[in-house]
Amino acid sequence: MYQLFKNATANGQSGTVKTYRERHTVFAWGTWGGATAKLQISPNGIDWFDLTGASFTANGSATFEIATDVYLRADIAGGTGADLSVAVR
């Protein structure tokens, strides 16, 4: 499991992880305070794209399949008083 954020209270991006061809599930949970958490994907670790169906404003999960080796990160934006965790398994 990749723990991208653990109890994050500020806006910004997580560190990046490289992942491989397989099926993954992203989990997002915590106190939202109006924030949005989304999973982003990159072919090269430089250019980032929002992963369709993996944007959250409340506790949730999404399953997706990777067809090639890529980089992942989480992005948290907006809200006040947020305390969020995001993990990919």
N, C-alpha and C. Protein backbone atom coordinates (compact mmCIF):
# COMPACT_ATOMS: atom_id res chain seq x y z
N MET A 1 0.84 -1.17 0.00
CA MET A 1 0.00 0.00 0.00
C MET A 1 0.89 1.24 0.00
N TYR A 2 0.50 2.25 -0.78
CA TYR A 2 1.18 3.53 -0.81
C TYR A 2 0.37 4.53 0.02
N GLN A 3 0.92 5.04 1.10
CA GLN A 3 0.25 6.06 1.91
C GLN A 3 0.69 7.42 1.37
N LEU A 4 -0.14 8.06 0.55
CA LEU A 4 0.23 9.31 -0.08
C LEU A 4 0.09 10.50 0.86
N PHE A 5 -0.97 10.52 1.66
CA PHE A 5 -1.16 11.52 2.71
C PHE A 5 -1.62 10.80 3.97
N LYS A 6 -1.16 11.26 5.10
CA LYS A 6 -1.66 10.77 6.39
C LYS A 6 -1.95 11.99 7.25
N ASN A 7 -3.22 12.22 7.52
CA ASN A 7 -3.68 13.34 8.34
C ASN A 7 -3.17 14.68 7.82
N ALA A 8 -3.26 14.90 6.51
CA ALA A 8 -2.83 16.16 5.91
C ALA A 8 -3.80 17.27 6.28
N THR A 9 -3.25 18.41 6.66
CA THR A 9 -4.08 19.54 7.07
C THR A 9 -3.88 20.75 6.16
N ALA A 10 -3.04 20.64 5.13
CA ALA A 10 -2.77 21.77 4.24
C ALA A 10 -2.95 21.35 2.78
N ASN A 11 -3.21 22.31 1.93
CA ASN A 11 -3.30 22.07 0.49
C ASN A 11 -1.93 21.72 -0.06
N GLY A 12 -1.92 20.96 -1.16
CA GLY A 12 -0.66 20.64 -1.84
C GLY A 12 -0.66 19.23 -2.37
N GLN A 13 0.49 18.85 -2.93
CA GLN A 13 0.66 17.52 -3.51
C GLN A 13 1.49 16.64 -2.58
N SER A 14 1.19 15.36 -2.64
CA SER A 14 1.97 14.38 -1.88
C SER A 14 3.27 14.12 -2.63
N GLY A 15 4.10 13.31 -2.04
CA GLY A 15 5.25 12.79 -2.76
C GLY A 15 4.76 11.85 -3.85
N THR A 16 5.64 11.48 -4.75
CA THR A 16 5.25 10.59 -5.85
C THR A 16 5.69 9.17 -5.58
N VAL A 17 4.96 8.23 -6.15
CA VAL A 17 5.34 6.82 -6.10
C VAL A 17 5.25 6.26 -7.52
N LYS A 18 6.13 5.35 -7.84
CA LYS A 18 6.06 4.67 -9.13
C LYS A 18 5.28 3.39 -8.93
N THR A 19 4.36 3.12 -9.82
CA THR A 19 3.57 1.91 -9.72
C THR A 19 3.58 1.19 -11.06
N TYR A 20 3.14 -0.02 -11.05
CA TYR A 20 3.29 -0.89 -12.21
C TYR A 20 1.94 -1.38 -12.69
N ARG A 21 1.95 -2.04 -13.82
CA ARG A 21 0.73 -2.54 -14.45
C ARG A 21 -0.04 -3.46 -13.51
N GLU A 22 -1.14 -2.97 -13.04
CA GLU A 22 -2.02 -3.79 -12.22
C GLU A 22 -3.25 -2.99 -11.85
N ARG A 23 -4.15 -3.65 -11.13
CA ARG A 23 -5.38 -3.02 -10.65
C ARG A 23 -5.09 -2.40 -9.28
N HIS A 24 -5.56 -1.18 -9.07
CA HIS A 24 -5.35 -0.44 -7.82
C HIS A 24 -6.68 0.08 -7.29
N THR A 25 -6.72 0.35 -6.00
CA THR A 25 -7.85 1.05 -5.39
C THR A 25 -7.29 2.21 -4.59
N VAL A 26 -7.85 3.39 -4.79
CA VAL A 26 -7.48 4.57 -3.99
C VAL A 26 -8.56 4.78 -2.94
N PHE A 27 -8.12 5.09 -1.73
CA PHE A 27 -9.01 5.38 -0.60
C PHE A 27 -8.71 6.79 -0.12
N ALA A 28 -9.75 7.56 0.16
CA ALA A 28 -9.60 8.90 0.73
C ALA A 28 -10.56 9.01 1.91
N TRP A 29 -10.05 9.50 3.05
CA TRP A 29 -10.90 9.58 4.24
C TRP A 29 -10.38 10.64 5.19
N GLY A 30 -11.26 11.05 6.09
CA GLY A 30 -10.88 12.02 7.12
C GLY A 30 -11.95 13.06 7.32
N THR A 31 -11.53 14.22 7.80
CA THR A 31 -12.39 15.38 7.99
C THR A 31 -12.17 16.29 6.79
N TRP A 32 -13.21 16.57 6.04
CA TRP A 32 -13.06 17.21 4.73
C TRP A 32 -13.06 18.73 4.79
N GLY A 33 -13.89 19.35 5.57
CA GLY A 33 -13.88 20.81 5.68
C GLY A 33 -13.99 21.54 4.35
N GLY A 34 -14.65 20.93 3.36
CA GLY A 34 -14.81 21.54 2.06
C GLY A 34 -13.67 21.28 1.08
N ALA A 35 -12.69 20.49 1.48
CA ALA A 35 -11.53 20.21 0.62
C ALA A 35 -11.88 19.17 -0.46
N THR A 36 -11.06 19.12 -1.48
CA THR A 36 -11.13 18.11 -2.54
C THR A 36 -9.79 17.39 -2.60
N ALA A 37 -9.83 16.07 -2.63
CA ALA A 37 -8.62 15.27 -2.81
C ALA A 37 -8.77 14.51 -4.12
N LYS A 38 -7.71 14.52 -4.93
CA LYS A 38 -7.77 13.79 -6.19
C LYS A 38 -6.46 13.06 -6.42
N LEU A 39 -6.56 11.97 -7.15
CA LEU A 39 -5.38 11.20 -7.52
C LEU A 39 -4.93 11.69 -8.89
N GLN A 40 -3.62 11.86 -9.03
CA GLN A 40 -3.05 12.30 -10.30
C GLN A 40 -2.08 11.25 -10.80
N ILE A 41 -1.91 11.19 -12.13
CA ILE A 41 -1.10 10.18 -12.78
C ILE A 41 -0.14 10.87 -13.75
N SER A 42 1.06 10.31 -13.90
CA SER A 42 2.06 10.89 -14.79
C SER A 42 2.84 9.80 -15.50
N PRO A 43 3.11 9.97 -16.78
CA PRO A 43 3.93 8.98 -17.49
C PRO A 43 5.42 9.15 -17.21
N ASN A 44 5.81 10.37 -16.73
CA ASN A 44 7.23 10.67 -16.60
C ASN A 44 7.63 11.34 -15.28
N GLY A 45 6.69 11.59 -14.39
CA GLY A 45 6.98 12.25 -13.12
C GLY A 45 7.06 13.77 -13.23
N ILE A 46 6.79 14.30 -14.42
CA ILE A 46 6.85 15.75 -14.67
C ILE A 46 5.48 16.30 -15.06
N ASP A 47 4.84 15.67 -16.02
CA ASP A 47 3.53 16.10 -16.52
C ASP A 47 2.44 15.32 -15.79
N TRP A 48 1.53 16.03 -15.10
CA TRP A 48 0.52 15.38 -14.26
C TRP A 48 -0.88 15.59 -14.81
N PHE A 49 -1.72 14.54 -14.66
CA PHE A 49 -3.09 14.54 -15.14
C PHE A 49 -3.99 13.99 -14.04
N ASP A 50 -5.18 14.58 -13.88
CA ASP A 50 -6.15 14.06 -12.92
C ASP A 50 -6.67 12.72 -13.42
N LEU A 51 -6.73 11.74 -12.54
CA LEU A 51 -7.24 10.42 -12.90
C LEU A 51 -8.77 10.48 -12.84
N THR A 52 -9.41 10.24 -13.96
CA THR A 52 -10.87 10.30 -14.05
C THR A 52 -11.50 9.34 -13.04
N GLY A 53 -12.46 9.85 -12.28
CA GLY A 53 -13.18 9.03 -11.31
C GLY A 53 -12.50 8.91 -9.96
N ALA A 54 -11.38 9.63 -9.77
CA ALA A 54 -10.64 9.54 -8.50
C ALA A 54 -10.49 10.92 -7.86
N SER A 55 -11.62 11.64 -7.78
CA SER A 55 -11.68 12.93 -7.11
C SER A 55 -12.74 12.82 -6.02
N PHE A 56 -12.39 13.29 -4.81
CA PHE A 56 -13.26 13.06 -3.65
C PHE A 56 -13.50 14.36 -2.88
N THR A 57 -14.73 14.51 -2.38
CA THR A 57 -15.07 15.60 -1.47
C THR A 57 -15.66 15.03 -0.17
N ALA A 58 -15.67 13.70 -0.07
CA ALA A 58 -16.13 12.97 1.11
C ALA A 58 -15.44 11.61 1.09
N ASN A 59 -15.49 10.90 2.19
CA ASN A 59 -14.85 9.58 2.27
C ASN A 59 -15.29 8.71 1.10
N GLY A 60 -14.33 8.04 0.47
CA GLY A 60 -14.69 7.19 -0.66
C GLY A 60 -13.50 6.41 -1.20
N SER A 61 -13.78 5.64 -2.23
CA SER A 61 -12.74 4.86 -2.90
C SER A 61 -13.08 4.74 -4.37
N ALA A 62 -12.06 4.41 -5.16
CA ALA A 62 -12.24 4.18 -6.59
C ALA A 62 -11.22 3.15 -7.03
N THR A 63 -11.62 2.28 -7.94
CA THR A 63 -10.72 1.25 -8.46
C THR A 63 -10.38 1.58 -9.90
N PHE A 64 -9.11 1.39 -10.26
CA PHE A 64 -8.66 1.69 -11.60
C PHE A 64 -7.55 0.71 -11.98
N GLU A 65 -7.32 0.58 -13.27
CA GLU A 65 -6.29 -0.34 -13.76
C GLU A 65 -5.24 0.44 -14.54
N ILE A 66 -3.99 0.13 -14.29
CA ILE A 66 -2.85 0.77 -14.95
C ILE A 66 -2.34 -0.17 -16.04
N ALA A 67 -2.22 0.34 -17.26
CA ALA A 67 -1.77 -0.49 -18.38
C ALA A 67 -0.27 -0.41 -18.62
N THR A 68 0.40 0.54 -17.96
CA THR A 68 1.84 0.71 -18.13
C THR A 68 2.43 1.25 -16.83
N ASP A 69 3.73 1.28 -16.71
CA ASP A 69 4.36 1.83 -15.51
C ASP A 69 4.13 3.35 -15.47
N VAL A 70 3.68 3.87 -14.33
CA VAL A 70 3.39 5.30 -14.19
C VAL A 70 3.75 5.78 -12.79
N TYR A 71 3.65 7.07 -12.62
CA TYR A 71 3.82 7.69 -11.30
C TYR A 71 2.46 8.15 -10.81
N LEU A 72 2.27 8.10 -9.49
CA LEU A 72 1.03 8.55 -8.86
C LEU A 72 1.36 9.56 -7.78
N ARG A 73 0.44 10.48 -7.55
CA ARG A 73 0.49 11.38 -6.40
C ARG A 73 -0.93 11.81 -6.08
N ALA A 74 -1.12 12.35 -4.90
CA ALA A 74 -2.42 12.90 -4.50
C ALA A 74 -2.31 14.40 -4.41
N ASP A 75 -3.43 15.08 -4.64
CA ASP A 75 -3.48 16.53 -4.55
C ASP A 75 -4.68 16.91 -3.69
N ILE A 76 -4.45 17.80 -2.72
CA ILE A 76 -5.53 18.31 -1.87
C ILE A 76 -5.64 19.80 -2.10
N ALA A 77 -6.87 20.26 -2.30
CA ALA A 77 -7.10 21.68 -2.55
C ALA A 77 -8.38 22.15 -1.87
N GLY A 78 -8.39 23.41 -1.44
CA GLY A 78 -9.58 24.04 -0.89
C GLY A 78 -9.90 23.61 0.53
N GLY A 79 -10.92 24.20 1.05
CA GLY A 79 -11.43 23.84 2.36
C GLY A 79 -10.64 24.45 3.51
N THR A 80 -11.22 24.30 4.70
CA THR A 80 -10.56 24.72 5.93
C THR A 80 -10.82 23.66 6.99
N GLY A 81 -9.87 23.44 7.83
CA GLY A 81 -10.03 22.46 8.90
C GLY A 81 -9.98 21.02 8.42
N ALA A 82 -9.44 20.79 7.24
CA ALA A 82 -9.37 19.43 6.70
C ALA A 82 -8.28 18.64 7.44
N ASP A 83 -8.47 17.34 7.52
CA ASP A 83 -7.52 16.39 8.12
C ASP A 83 -7.70 15.11 7.33
N LEU A 84 -6.94 14.97 6.22
CA LEU A 84 -7.22 13.93 5.24
C LEU A 84 -6.09 12.92 5.08
N SER A 85 -6.49 11.70 4.74
CA SER A 85 -5.55 10.65 4.40
C SER A 85 -5.93 10.09 3.03
N VAL A 86 -4.91 9.75 2.23
CA VAL A 86 -5.13 9.16 0.91
C VAL A 86 -4.13 8.02 0.76
N ALA A 87 -4.64 6.85 0.38
CA ALA A 87 -3.77 5.68 0.19
C ALA A 87 -4.20 4.94 -1.06
N VAL A 88 -3.22 4.28 -1.69
CA VAL A 88 -3.47 3.47 -2.88
C VAL A 88 -3.00 2.06 -2.57
N ARG A 89 -3.84 1.09 -2.89
CA ARG A 89 -3.49 -0.32 -2.66
C ARG A 89 -3.61 -1.08 -3.93
